[in-house]
Amino acid sequence: MDVALGGTFDPVHDGHRKLFERAFELGDVTIGLTSDTLAPKTRSVDRHVRPYDERKATLENELAAIAPEYDREFEVRTLDSPTGIATEPQFEYLVVSPETKGGGERINEIRRKRGHDPLEIVVVPHVLAEDGDIISSTRIFQGEIDEHGSVVEE
């Protein structure tokens, strides 16, 4: 089974790790990592995003630590458009977070127009921080929480 997943992953946090684990449960994983051009366009909050090469190295290290537990392979590819790699015919699953489910539905529309089977969209619930709000890269960047959801004391 081939699984697609996409994002900016800066910084990687426990919510992302939950996405990765679910993806590896389903099959071999290809992650579309947003390019330096696309990454700022996908942010709801204007903030610094590390360069692609740095994010890719960090992401590959994270995936290399998880993939063997599931006996799976992975590949990280550049994502230049929001629908990116998931419109390619080889994928069977798309792993998304609740806020990106709509993007998955748009991907399936494109796939249908191209004559490809729709993807099974697998929505992974958010991981909550200790304060009950979701763990997000933006909250980490803003210094509210760490990558595991622990509240950062000021």
C-alpha atoms as a PDB file:
ATOM      1  CA  MET A   1       0.000   0.000   0.000  1.00  0.00           C
ATOM      2  CA  ASP A   2       1.318   3.440  -0.885  1.00  0.00           C
ATOM      3  CA  VAL A   3       0.557   6.312   1.454  1.00  0.00           C
ATOM      4  CA  ALA A   4       0.918  10.046   0.807  1.00  0.00           C
ATOM      5  CA  LEU A   5       1.319  12.745   3.419  1.00  0.00           C
ATOM      6  CA  GLY A   6       2.291  16.374   3.017  1.00  0.00           C
ATOM      7  CA  GLY A   7       3.337  19.342   5.092  1.00  0.00           C
ATOM      8  CA  THR A   8       5.955  21.836   6.157  1.00  0.00           C
ATOM      9  CA  PHE A   9       6.958  20.042   9.368  1.00  0.00           C
ATOM     10  CA  ASP A  10       8.771  22.948  11.002  1.00  0.00           C
ATOM     11  CA  PRO A  11       9.315  22.090  13.745  1.00  0.00           C
ATOM     12  CA  VAL A  12       8.367  18.412  13.932  1.00  0.00           C
ATOM     13  CA  HIS A  13       6.197  17.736  16.983  1.00  0.00           C
ATOM     14  CA  ASP A  14       4.161  14.939  18.563  1.00  0.00           C
ATOM     15  CA  GLY A  15       1.141  15.730  16.379  1.00  0.00           C
ATOM     16  CA  HIS A  16       3.273  15.130  13.295  1.00  0.00           C
ATOM     17  CA  ARG A  17       4.665  11.947  14.816  1.00  0.00           C
ATOM     18  CA  LYS A  18       1.092  10.669  15.226  1.00  0.00           C
ATOM     19  CA  LEU A  19       0.512  11.325  11.496  1.00  0.00           C
ATOM     20  CA  PHE A  20       3.731   9.488  10.607  1.00  0.00           C
ATOM     21  CA  GLU A  21       2.846   6.496  12.786  1.00  0.00           C
ATOM     22  CA  ARG A  22      -0.626   6.202  11.239  1.00  0.00           C
ATOM     23  CA  ALA A  23       0.851   6.454   7.751  1.00  0.00           C
ATOM     24  CA  PHE A  24       3.379   3.691   8.463  1.00  0.00           C
ATOM     25  CA  GLU A  25       0.573   1.492   9.824  1.00  0.00           C
ATOM     26  CA  LEU A  26      -1.024   1.700   6.366  1.00  0.00           C
ATOM     27  CA  GLY A  27       2.006   1.153   4.123  1.00  0.00           C
ATOM     28  CA  ASP A  28       5.141   2.619   2.621  1.00  0.00           C
ATOM     29  CA  VAL A  29       5.095   6.396   2.920  1.00  0.00           C
ATOM     30  CA  THR A  30       5.924   9.243   0.576  1.00  0.00           C
ATOM     31  CA  ILE A  31       5.980  12.631   2.224  1.00  0.00           C
ATOM     32  CA  GLY A  32       5.629  15.784   0.196  1.00  0.00           C
ATOM     33  CA  LEU A  33       7.651  18.423   2.017  1.00  0.00           C
ATOM     34  CA  THR A  34       6.698  21.967   1.083  1.00  0.00           C
ATOM     35  CA  SER A  35       9.303  23.789  -0.962  1.00  0.00           C
ATOM     36  CA  ASP A  36      10.793  27.058   0.216  1.00  0.00           C
ATOM     37  CA  THR A  37       8.431  28.835  -2.181  1.00  0.00           C
ATOM     38  CA  LEU A  38       5.271  26.994  -1.083  1.00  0.00           C
ATOM     39  CA  ALA A  39       5.916  26.844   2.677  1.00  0.00           C
ATOM     40  CA  PRO A  40       5.114  30.516   3.471  1.00  0.00           C
ATOM     41  CA  LYS A  41       1.904  30.296   1.424  1.00  0.00           C
ATOM     42  CA  THR A  42       0.597  27.453   3.591  1.00  0.00           C
ATOM     43  CA  ARG A  43       0.992  29.297   6.913  1.00  0.00           C
ATOM     44  CA  SER A  44      -2.045  30.786   8.645  1.00  0.00           C
ATOM     45  CA  VAL A  45       0.374  32.903  10.702  1.00  0.00           C
ATOM     46  CA  ASP A  46       3.284  34.738   9.105  1.00  0.00           C
ATOM     47  CA  ARG A  47       6.386  33.241  10.693  1.00  0.00           C
ATOM     48  CA  HIS A  48       9.886  32.085   9.869  1.00  0.00           C
ATOM     49  CA  VAL A  49      10.161  28.633   8.267  1.00  0.00           C
ATOM     50  CA  ARG A  50      13.559  26.942   8.137  1.00  0.00           C
ATOM     51  CA  PRO A  51      15.052  26.250   4.681  1.00  0.00           C
ATOM     52  CA  TYR A  52      13.907  23.121   2.844  1.00  0.00           C
ATOM     53  CA  ASP A  53      17.219  21.264   3.211  1.00  0.00           C
ATOM     54  CA  GLU A  54      17.199  21.706   6.990  1.00  0.00           C
ATOM     55  CA  ARG A  55      13.564  20.628   7.286  1.00  0.00           C
ATOM     56  CA  LYS A  56      14.198  17.630   5.039  1.00  0.00           C
ATOM     57  CA  ALA A  57      17.187  16.444   7.101  1.00  0.00           C
ATOM     58  CA  THR A  58      15.194  16.731  10.338  1.00  0.00           C
ATOM     59  CA  LEU A  59      12.185  14.992   8.799  1.00  0.00           C
ATOM     60  CA  GLU A  60      14.273  12.126   7.415  1.00  0.00           C
ATOM     61  CA  ASN A  61      15.833  11.587  10.850  1.00  0.00           C
ATOM     62  CA  GLU A  62      12.371  11.459  12.442  1.00  0.00           C
ATOM     63  CA  LEU A  63      11.064   9.017   9.826  1.00  0.00           C
ATOM     64  CA  ALA A  64      14.169   6.816  10.040  1.00  0.00           C
ATOM     65  CA  ALA A  65      13.475   6.380  13.747  1.00  0.00           C
ATOM     66  CA  ILE A  66       9.831   5.317  13.182  1.00  0.00           C
ATOM     67  CA  ALA A  67       9.801   3.351   9.891  1.00  0.00           C
ATOM     68  CA  PRO A  68      11.659   0.241  11.155  1.00  0.00           C
ATOM     69  CA  GLU A  69       9.031  -0.307  13.867  1.00  0.00           C
ATOM     70  CA  TYR A  70       6.521  -0.891  11.043  1.00  0.00           C
ATOM     71  CA  ASP A  71       8.944  -2.525   8.572  1.00  0.00           C
ATOM     72  CA  ARG A  72       8.190   0.227   6.064  1.00  0.00           C
ATOM     73  CA  GLU A  73      10.046   2.340   3.539  1.00  0.00           C
ATOM     74  CA  PHE A  74       9.750   6.088   3.125  1.00  0.00           C
ATOM     75  CA  GLU A  75      10.687   8.815   0.693  1.00  0.00           C
ATOM     76  CA  VAL A  76      10.650  12.599   1.091  1.00  0.00           C
ATOM     77  CA  ARG A  77       9.880  14.585  -2.050  1.00  0.00           C
ATOM     78  CA  THR A  78       9.549  18.290  -2.745  1.00  0.00           C
ATOM     79  CA  LEU A  79       6.008  19.636  -2.686  1.00  0.00           C
ATOM     80  CA  ASP A  80       5.655  22.597  -5.046  1.00  0.00           C
ATOM     81  CA  SER A  81       1.847  22.829  -5.029  1.00  0.00           C
ATOM     82  CA  PRO A  82      -0.743  22.157  -2.319  1.00  0.00           C
ATOM     83  CA  THR A  83      -2.153  19.104  -4.121  1.00  0.00           C
ATOM     84  CA  GLY A  84       1.325  17.937  -5.162  1.00  0.00           C
ATOM     85  CA  ILE A  85       2.271  14.292  -5.106  1.00  0.00           C
ATOM     86  CA  ALA A  86      -1.079  12.921  -3.913  1.00  0.00           C
ATOM     87  CA  THR A  87      -2.610  13.368  -7.368  1.00  0.00           C
ATOM     88  CA  GLU A  88      -0.215  10.725  -8.720  1.00  0.00           C
ATOM     89  CA  PRO A  89      -1.896   7.369  -9.462  1.00  0.00           C
ATOM     90  CA  GLN A  90       0.229   5.064  -7.276  1.00  0.00           C
ATOM     91  CA  PHE A  91      -1.142   6.260  -3.951  1.00  0.00           C
ATOM     92  CA  GLU A  92      -3.999   4.548  -2.142  1.00  0.00           C
ATOM     93  CA  TYR A  93      -4.149   6.520   1.106  1.00  0.00           C
ATOM     94  CA  LEU A  94      -3.776  10.136   2.100  1.00  0.00           C
ATOM     95  CA  VAL A  95      -3.112  10.825   5.769  1.00  0.00           C
ATOM     96  CA  VAL A  96      -4.328  14.249   6.911  1.00  0.00           C
ATOM     97  CA  SER A  97      -5.040  16.265  10.030  1.00  0.00           C
ATOM     98  CA  PRO A  98      -8.591  17.525  10.650  1.00  0.00           C
ATOM     99  CA  GLU A  99      -7.870  20.974   9.179  1.00  0.00           C
ATOM    100  CA  THR A 100      -6.414  19.533   5.955  1.00  0.00           C
ATOM    101  CA  LYS A 101      -9.242  17.095   5.197  1.00  0.00           C
ATOM    102  CA  GLY A 102     -10.723  19.570   2.690  1.00  0.00           C
ATOM    103  CA  GLY A 103      -7.456  19.549   0.764  1.00  0.00           C
ATOM    104  CA  GLY A 104      -7.715  15.771   0.560  1.00  0.00           C
ATOM    105  CA  GLU A 105     -11.175  16.068  -0.930  1.00  0.00           C
ATOM    106  CA  ARG A 106      -9.852  18.517  -3.555  1.00  0.00           C
ATOM    107  CA  ILE A 107      -7.070  16.037  -4.354  1.00  0.00           C
ATOM    108  CA  ASN A 108      -9.669  13.324  -4.949  1.00  0.00           C
ATOM    109  CA  GLU A 109     -11.549  15.624  -7.350  1.00  0.00           C
ATOM    110  CA  ILE A 110      -8.345  16.075  -9.351  1.00  0.00           C
ATOM    111  CA  ARG A 111      -7.669  12.332  -9.271  1.00  0.00           C
ATOM    112  CA  ARG A 112     -11.170  11.573 -10.600  1.00  0.00           C
ATOM    113  CA  LYS A 113     -10.720  14.073 -13.450  1.00  0.00           C
ATOM    114  CA  ARG A 114      -7.452  12.337 -14.343  1.00  0.00           C
ATOM    115  CA  GLY A 115      -9.090   8.905 -14.298  1.00  0.00           C
ATOM    116  CA  HIS A 116      -7.424   7.743 -11.063  1.00  0.00           C
ATOM    117  CA  ASP A 117      -9.148   6.026  -8.169  1.00  0.00           C
ATOM    118  CA  PRO A 118      -9.849   8.324  -5.231  1.00  0.00           C
ATOM    119  CA  LEU A 119      -7.611   8.060  -2.206  1.00  0.00           C
ATOM    120  CA  GLU A 120      -8.879   6.783   1.091  1.00  0.00           C
ATOM    121  CA  ILE A 121      -8.550   9.864   3.271  1.00  0.00           C
ATOM    122  CA  VAL A 122      -7.400   8.944   6.767  1.00  0.00           C
ATOM    123  CA  VAL A 123      -7.961  11.745   9.272  1.00  0.00           C
ATOM    124  CA  VAL A 124      -5.700  11.606  12.323  1.00  0.00           C
ATOM    125  CA  PRO A 125      -7.054  13.539  15.316  1.00  0.00           C
ATOM    126  CA  HIS A 126      -5.021  16.369  16.790  1.00  0.00           C
ATOM    127  CA  VAL A 127      -2.696  15.658  19.672  1.00  0.00           C
ATOM    128  CA  LEU A 128      -3.444  17.955  22.581  1.00  0.00           C
ATOM    129  CA  ALA A 129      -0.911  19.856  24.615  1.00  0.00           C
ATOM    130  CA  GLU A 130      -1.053  19.754  28.403  1.00  0.00           C
ATOM    131  CA  ASP A 131      -3.157  22.935  28.356  1.00  0.00           C
ATOM    132  CA  GLY A 132      -5.857  21.160  26.327  1.00  0.00           C
ATOM    133  CA  ASP A 133      -5.234  23.084  23.090  1.00  0.00           C
ATOM    134  CA  ILE A 134      -3.722  21.408  20.036  1.00  0.00           C
ATOM    135  CA  ILE A 135      -0.005  20.971  19.538  1.00  0.00           C
ATOM    136  CA  SER A 136       1.014  23.049  16.536  1.00  0.00           C
ATOM    137  CA  SER A 137       4.242  24.274  14.994  1.00  0.00           C
ATOM    138  CA  THR A 138       2.971  27.844  15.314  1.00  0.00           C
ATOM    139  CA  ARG A 139       2.418  27.485  19.059  1.00  0.00           C
ATOM    140  CA  ILE A 140       5.916  26.021  19.401  1.00  0.00           C
ATOM    141  CA  PHE A 141       7.395  28.841  17.310  1.00  0.00           C
ATOM    142  CA  GLN A 142       5.575  31.389  19.480  1.00  0.00           C
ATOM    143  CA  GLY A 143       7.105  29.831  22.597  1.00  0.00           C
ATOM    144  CA  GLU A 144       3.815  28.654  24.150  1.00  0.00           C
ATOM    145  CA  ILE A 145       4.644  24.931  24.193  1.00  0.00           C
ATOM    146  CA  ASP A 146       7.450  22.533  23.339  1.00  0.00           C
ATOM    147  CA  GLU A 147       7.353  19.777  20.703  1.00  0.00           C
ATOM    148  CA  HIS A 148       5.675  17.399  23.159  1.00  0.00           C
ATOM    149  CA  GLY A 149       2.946  19.833  24.195  1.00  0.00           C
ATOM    150  CA  SER A 150       4.385  20.850  27.542  1.00  0.00           C
ATOM    151  CA  VAL A 151       3.568  24.448  28.399  1.00  0.00           C
ATOM    152  CA  VAL A 152       6.667  26.635  28.399  1.00  0.00           C
ATOM    153  CA  GLU A 153       6.885  28.712  31.552  1.00  0.00           C
ATOM    154  CA  GLU A 154       7.887  32.333  31.051  1.00  0.00           C
END
